[in-house]
């Protein structure tokens, strides 16, 4: 099963747009899974925060490093529509290029 890192906007100026980004990312990751791939879905990261106990801490840097560790072993990157201008997504695209990992912008192209 090929590993697909799903990249796209996460943060936004307001919480409602953050929720929309999470929904879009999780939905696309589900489509990737249904298409027969093993998706990495960064929008599920919030679950780690919910599981922290008193005195435990995860920084944003932890999440960046952990996401890049998965990206580096992925077979492909799929970028969500309208996410190309996201700073984090641009960094993920650049990282994929460093590792010669193909980047797709449509799930249909990934399937070819």
N, C-alpha and C. Protein backbone atom coordinates (compact mmCIF):
# COMPACT_ATOMS: atom_id res chain seq x y z
N UNK A 1 0.85 -1.17 0.00
CA UNK A 1 0.00 0.00 0.00
C UNK A 1 0.90 1.24 0.00
N UNK A 2 0.68 2.12 -0.96
CA UNK A 2 1.49 3.32 -1.06
C UNK A 2 1.07 4.35 -0.01
N UNK A 3 2.08 5.04 0.54
CA UNK A 3 1.86 6.06 1.56
C UNK A 3 1.72 7.43 0.90
N UNK A 4 0.65 8.13 1.25
CA UNK A 4 0.38 9.45 0.68
C UNK A 4 0.26 10.46 1.81
N UNK A 5 1.14 11.45 1.77
CA UNK A 5 1.08 12.55 2.73
C UNK A 5 0.10 13.57 2.18
N UNK A 6 -0.96 13.85 2.91
CA UNK A 6 -1.96 14.80 2.47
C UNK A 6 -1.58 16.16 3.07
N UNK A 7 -1.33 17.13 2.20
CA UNK A 7 -0.87 18.45 2.64
C UNK A 7 -1.93 19.50 2.34
N UNK A 8 -2.00 20.49 3.21
CA UNK A 8 -2.93 21.58 2.98
C UNK A 8 -2.98 22.52 4.17
N UNK A 9 -3.74 23.57 4.01
CA UNK A 9 -3.85 24.58 5.06
C UNK A 9 -4.47 23.97 6.32
N UNK A 10 -3.95 24.38 7.46
CA UNK A 10 -4.49 23.97 8.75
C UNK A 10 -4.94 25.22 9.51
N UNK A 11 -4.01 26.13 9.74
CA UNK A 11 -4.33 27.33 10.52
C UNK A 11 -5.10 28.34 9.67
N UNK A 12 -5.70 29.29 10.36
CA UNK A 12 -6.46 30.35 9.71
C UNK A 12 -6.60 31.51 10.69
N UNK A 13 -7.22 32.58 10.22
CA UNK A 13 -7.40 33.77 11.06
C UNK A 13 -8.50 33.62 12.11
N UNK A 14 -9.37 32.64 11.93
CA UNK A 14 -10.46 32.45 12.90
C UNK A 14 -10.75 30.97 13.06
N UNK A 15 -11.36 30.63 14.17
CA UNK A 15 -11.56 29.23 14.51
C UNK A 15 -12.49 28.52 13.52
N UNK A 16 -13.47 29.21 12.98
CA UNK A 16 -14.39 28.56 12.03
C UNK A 16 -13.65 28.13 10.77
N UNK A 17 -12.72 28.95 10.29
CA UNK A 17 -11.94 28.57 9.12
C UNK A 17 -10.96 27.45 9.45
N UNK A 18 -10.46 27.42 10.67
CA UNK A 18 -9.62 26.29 11.09
C UNK A 18 -10.43 25.01 11.04
N UNK A 19 -11.65 25.04 11.57
CA UNK A 19 -12.51 23.85 11.52
C UNK A 19 -12.79 23.43 10.08
N UNK A 20 -13.00 24.40 9.19
CA UNK A 20 -13.23 24.08 7.78
C UNK A 20 -11.99 23.41 7.18
N UNK A 21 -10.81 23.92 7.53
CA UNK A 21 -9.58 23.31 7.02
C UNK A 21 -9.41 21.89 7.53
N UNK A 22 -9.74 21.68 8.80
CA UNK A 22 -9.65 20.33 9.37
C UNK A 22 -10.60 19.39 8.64
N UNK A 23 -11.83 19.85 8.42
CA UNK A 23 -12.82 19.02 7.72
C UNK A 23 -12.34 18.67 6.32
N UNK A 24 -11.84 19.66 5.58
CA UNK A 24 -11.36 19.43 4.22
C UNK A 24 -10.21 18.42 4.21
N UNK A 25 -9.27 18.60 5.13
CA UNK A 25 -8.12 17.70 5.19
C UNK A 25 -8.51 16.28 5.56
N UNK A 26 -9.39 16.16 6.55
CA UNK A 26 -9.82 14.82 6.97
C UNK A 26 -10.65 14.15 5.88
N UNK A 27 -11.47 14.92 5.18
CA UNK A 27 -12.29 14.35 4.10
C UNK A 27 -11.41 13.86 2.95
N UNK A 28 -10.41 14.67 2.57
CA UNK A 28 -9.53 14.24 1.49
C UNK A 28 -8.73 13.01 1.92
N UNK A 29 -8.29 12.98 3.15
CA UNK A 29 -7.55 11.82 3.64
C UNK A 29 -8.42 10.57 3.59
N UNK A 30 -9.70 10.72 3.88
CA UNK A 30 -10.64 9.60 3.79
C UNK A 30 -10.77 9.13 2.34
N UNK A 31 -10.85 10.07 1.41
CA UNK A 31 -10.92 9.71 -0.02
C UNK A 31 -9.66 8.96 -0.45
N UNK A 32 -8.51 9.42 0.03
CA UNK A 32 -7.25 8.75 -0.30
C UNK A 32 -7.26 7.32 0.24
N UNK A 33 -7.74 7.15 1.46
CA UNK A 33 -7.83 5.82 2.08
C UNK A 33 -8.78 4.93 1.27
N UNK A 34 -9.94 5.47 0.91
CA UNK A 34 -10.92 4.71 0.12
C UNK A 34 -10.37 4.33 -1.25
N UNK A 35 -9.43 5.13 -1.76
CA UNK A 35 -8.83 4.85 -3.07
C UNK A 35 -7.74 3.78 -2.98
N UNK A 36 -7.46 3.31 -1.78
CA UNK A 36 -6.51 2.20 -1.63
C UNK A 36 -5.12 2.59 -1.19
N UNK A 37 -4.96 3.82 -0.71
CA UNK A 37 -3.66 4.30 -0.24
C UNK A 37 -3.66 4.41 1.28
N UNK A 38 -2.48 4.55 1.85
CA UNK A 38 -2.32 4.77 3.29
C UNK A 38 -2.03 6.25 3.51
N UNK A 39 -3.05 7.04 3.89
CA UNK A 39 -2.83 8.48 4.02
C UNK A 39 -2.21 8.86 5.36
N UNK A 40 -1.39 9.91 5.34
CA UNK A 40 -0.98 10.58 6.56
C UNK A 40 -1.81 11.84 6.63
N UNK A 41 -2.58 12.01 7.70
CA UNK A 41 -3.54 13.10 7.85
C UNK A 41 -3.13 14.01 9.01
N UNK A 42 -2.43 15.11 8.74
CA UNK A 42 -2.00 16.01 9.81
C UNK A 42 -3.15 16.63 10.60
N UNK A 43 -4.34 16.65 10.05
CA UNK A 43 -5.48 17.26 10.73
C UNK A 43 -5.98 16.41 11.89
N UNK A 44 -5.45 15.20 12.04
CA UNK A 44 -5.79 14.37 13.20
C UNK A 44 -4.86 14.64 14.38
N UNK A 45 -3.89 15.51 14.22
CA UNK A 45 -2.92 15.81 15.27
C UNK A 45 -3.56 16.33 16.55
N UNK A 46 -4.70 16.99 16.44
CA UNK A 46 -5.35 17.54 17.62
C UNK A 46 -5.62 16.47 18.68
N UNK A 47 -5.74 15.22 18.25
CA UNK A 47 -6.02 14.13 19.19
C UNK A 47 -4.89 13.94 20.20
N UNK A 48 -3.65 14.19 19.76
CA UNK A 48 -2.54 14.10 20.69
C UNK A 48 -2.66 15.13 21.80
N UNK A 49 -3.09 16.33 21.45
CA UNK A 49 -3.27 17.39 22.45
C UNK A 49 -4.35 16.99 23.44
N UNK A 50 -5.43 16.40 22.96
CA UNK A 50 -6.52 15.98 23.84
C UNK A 50 -6.08 14.89 24.82
N UNK A 51 -5.07 14.12 24.47
CA UNK A 51 -4.63 13.01 25.31
C UNK A 51 -3.52 13.39 26.30
N UNK A 52 -3.03 14.63 26.24
CA UNK A 52 -1.98 15.05 27.17
C UNK A 52 -2.51 15.09 28.59
N UNK A 53 -1.66 14.68 29.51
CA UNK A 53 -1.98 14.75 30.94
C UNK A 53 -1.25 15.93 31.55
N UNK A 54 -1.61 16.27 32.75
CA UNK A 54 -0.98 17.39 33.43
C UNK A 54 0.53 17.22 33.46
N UNK A 55 1.22 18.27 33.07
CA UNK A 55 2.68 18.26 33.04
C UNK A 55 3.28 17.81 31.71
N UNK A 56 2.46 17.23 30.83
CA UNK A 56 2.95 16.81 29.52
C UNK A 56 2.78 17.97 28.53
N UNK A 57 3.67 18.02 27.56
CA UNK A 57 3.65 19.15 26.64
C UNK A 57 4.15 18.72 25.27
N UNK A 58 3.46 19.15 24.24
CA UNK A 58 3.91 19.00 22.86
C UNK A 58 3.89 20.38 22.22
N UNK A 59 4.99 20.77 21.64
CA UNK A 59 5.08 22.08 20.99
C UNK A 59 4.71 21.96 19.52
N UNK A 60 4.52 23.10 18.91
CA UNK A 60 4.27 23.14 17.47
C UNK A 60 5.46 22.51 16.73
N UNK A 61 6.65 22.74 17.23
CA UNK A 61 7.86 22.17 16.62
C UNK A 61 7.81 20.63 16.63
N UNK A 62 7.28 20.05 17.71
CA UNK A 62 7.12 18.59 17.75
C UNK A 62 6.27 18.12 16.57
N UNK A 63 5.18 18.82 16.34
CA UNK A 63 4.28 18.43 15.26
C UNK A 63 4.92 18.63 13.89
N UNK A 64 5.68 19.70 13.71
CA UNK A 64 6.37 19.91 12.44
C UNK A 64 7.37 18.79 12.18
N UNK A 65 8.16 18.45 13.17
CA UNK A 65 9.17 17.41 13.01
C UNK A 65 8.53 16.05 12.74
N UNK A 66 7.47 15.76 13.46
CA UNK A 66 6.79 14.47 13.30
C UNK A 66 6.14 14.37 11.91
N UNK A 67 5.53 15.47 11.45
CA UNK A 67 4.93 15.47 10.12
C UNK A 67 5.97 15.29 9.03
N UNK A 68 7.09 15.99 9.15
CA UNK A 68 8.16 15.86 8.15
C UNK A 68 8.77 14.46 8.16
N UNK A 69 8.83 13.83 9.32
CA UNK A 69 9.34 12.46 9.38
C UNK A 69 8.45 11.53 8.54
N UNK A 70 7.15 11.74 8.57
CA UNK A 70 6.24 10.95 7.74
C UNK A 70 6.33 11.34 6.28
N UNK A 71 6.47 12.62 6.02
CA UNK A 71 6.57 13.07 4.63
C UNK A 71 7.78 12.44 3.96
N UNK A 72 8.90 12.39 4.66
CA UNK A 72 10.15 11.86 4.10
C UNK A 72 10.05 10.40 3.67
N UNK A 73 9.13 9.64 4.24
CA UNK A 73 8.99 8.22 3.87
C UNK A 73 7.74 7.97 3.03
N UNK A 74 7.10 9.05 2.60
CA UNK A 74 5.89 8.90 1.79
C UNK A 74 6.26 8.64 0.33
N UNK A 75 5.34 7.99 -0.36
CA UNK A 75 5.52 7.71 -1.78
C UNK A 75 5.03 8.86 -2.64
N UNK A 76 4.15 9.70 -2.07
CA UNK A 76 3.59 10.83 -2.80
C UNK A 76 3.04 11.85 -1.81
N UNK A 77 2.88 13.06 -2.31
CA UNK A 77 2.22 14.12 -1.55
C UNK A 77 1.03 14.57 -2.37
N UNK A 78 -0.11 14.70 -1.71
CA UNK A 78 -1.32 15.22 -2.36
C UNK A 78 -1.67 16.54 -1.68
N UNK A 79 -1.69 17.61 -2.46
CA UNK A 79 -1.97 18.95 -1.94
C UNK A 79 -3.46 19.26 -2.13
N UNK A 80 -4.08 19.71 -1.06
CA UNK A 80 -5.50 20.08 -1.12
C UNK A 80 -5.70 21.28 -2.03
N UNK A 81 -6.83 21.34 -2.73
CA UNK A 81 -7.14 22.51 -3.56
C UNK A 81 -7.13 23.79 -2.72
N UNK A 82 -6.65 24.85 -3.30
CA UNK A 82 -6.60 26.18 -2.67
C UNK A 82 -5.68 26.24 -1.46
N UNK A 83 -4.73 25.33 -1.37
CA UNK A 83 -3.79 25.34 -0.24
C UNK A 83 -2.38 25.71 -0.66
N UNK A 84 -2.18 25.96 -1.94
CA UNK A 84 -0.84 26.20 -2.45
C UNK A 84 -0.17 27.41 -1.80
N UNK A 85 -0.95 28.37 -1.32
CA UNK A 85 -0.39 29.58 -0.74
C UNK A 85 -0.14 29.47 0.77
N UNK A 86 -0.53 28.37 1.37
CA UNK A 86 -0.28 28.15 2.79
C UNK A 86 1.23 28.01 3.01
N UNK A 87 1.76 28.73 3.97
CA UNK A 87 3.20 28.69 4.24
C UNK A 87 3.64 27.27 4.58
N UNK A 88 2.88 26.60 5.44
CA UNK A 88 3.23 25.23 5.81
C UNK A 88 3.18 24.28 4.63
N UNK A 89 2.18 24.44 3.78
CA UNK A 89 2.07 23.60 2.59
C UNK A 89 3.23 23.84 1.64
N UNK A 90 3.63 25.10 1.48
CA UNK A 90 4.78 25.40 0.63
C UNK A 90 6.04 24.71 1.17
N UNK A 91 6.20 24.69 2.48
CA UNK A 91 7.35 24.01 3.07
C UNK A 91 7.28 22.50 2.83
N UNK A 92 6.08 21.94 2.90
CA UNK A 92 5.92 20.50 2.64
C UNK A 92 6.22 20.18 1.18
N UNK A 93 5.79 21.02 0.27
CA UNK A 93 6.08 20.82 -1.16
C UNK A 93 7.59 20.90 -1.40
N UNK A 94 8.25 21.85 -0.77
CA UNK A 94 9.71 21.98 -0.91
C UNK A 94 10.42 20.76 -0.32
N UNK A 95 9.95 20.28 0.79
CA UNK A 95 10.56 19.09 1.42
C UNK A 95 10.38 17.87 0.52
N UNK A 96 9.21 17.74 -0.09
CA UNK A 96 8.97 16.63 -1.02
C UNK A 96 9.96 16.71 -2.18
N UNK A 97 10.19 17.90 -2.71
CA UNK A 97 11.14 18.07 -3.82
C UNK A 97 12.55 17.64 -3.40
N UNK A 98 12.94 17.96 -2.17
CA UNK A 98 14.26 17.56 -1.66
C UNK A 98 14.45 16.05 -1.64
N UNK A 99 13.35 15.33 -1.45
CA UNK A 99 13.40 13.87 -1.36
C UNK A 99 12.89 13.18 -2.63
N UNK A 100 12.72 13.96 -3.69
CA UNK A 100 12.24 13.43 -4.97
C UNK A 100 10.91 12.69 -4.84
N UNK A 101 10.04 13.23 -4.03
CA UNK A 101 8.71 12.65 -3.82
C UNK A 101 7.74 13.39 -4.73
N UNK A 102 7.01 12.69 -5.57
CA UNK A 102 6.08 13.37 -6.47
C UNK A 102 4.97 14.08 -5.71
N UNK A 103 4.58 15.25 -6.22
CA UNK A 103 3.53 16.07 -5.62
C UNK A 103 2.37 16.14 -6.61
N UNK A 104 1.18 15.84 -6.11
CA UNK A 104 -0.03 15.88 -6.93
C UNK A 104 -0.99 16.92 -6.36
N UNK A 105 -1.80 17.48 -7.24
CA UNK A 105 -2.75 18.50 -6.84
C UNK A 105 -4.20 18.05 -7.03
N UNK A 106 -4.37 16.87 -7.59
CA UNK A 106 -5.69 16.29 -7.76
C UNK A 106 -5.60 14.80 -7.44
N UNK A 107 -6.60 14.29 -6.75
CA UNK A 107 -6.60 12.88 -6.41
C UNK A 107 -6.65 12.02 -7.68
N UNK A 108 -7.29 12.54 -8.73
CA UNK A 108 -7.36 11.79 -9.99
C UNK A 108 -5.96 11.58 -10.58
N UNK A 109 -5.10 12.57 -10.43
CA UNK A 109 -3.73 12.44 -10.93
C UNK A 109 -2.93 11.45 -10.10
N UNK A 110 -3.20 11.42 -8.81
CA UNK A 110 -2.54 10.46 -7.92
C UNK A 110 -2.87 9.03 -8.34
N UNK A 111 -4.10 8.80 -8.75
CA UNK A 111 -4.58 7.46 -9.10
C UNK A 111 -4.00 6.95 -10.41
N UNK A 112 -3.45 7.85 -11.27
CA UNK A 112 -2.94 7.44 -12.59
C UNK A 112 -1.66 6.66 -12.48
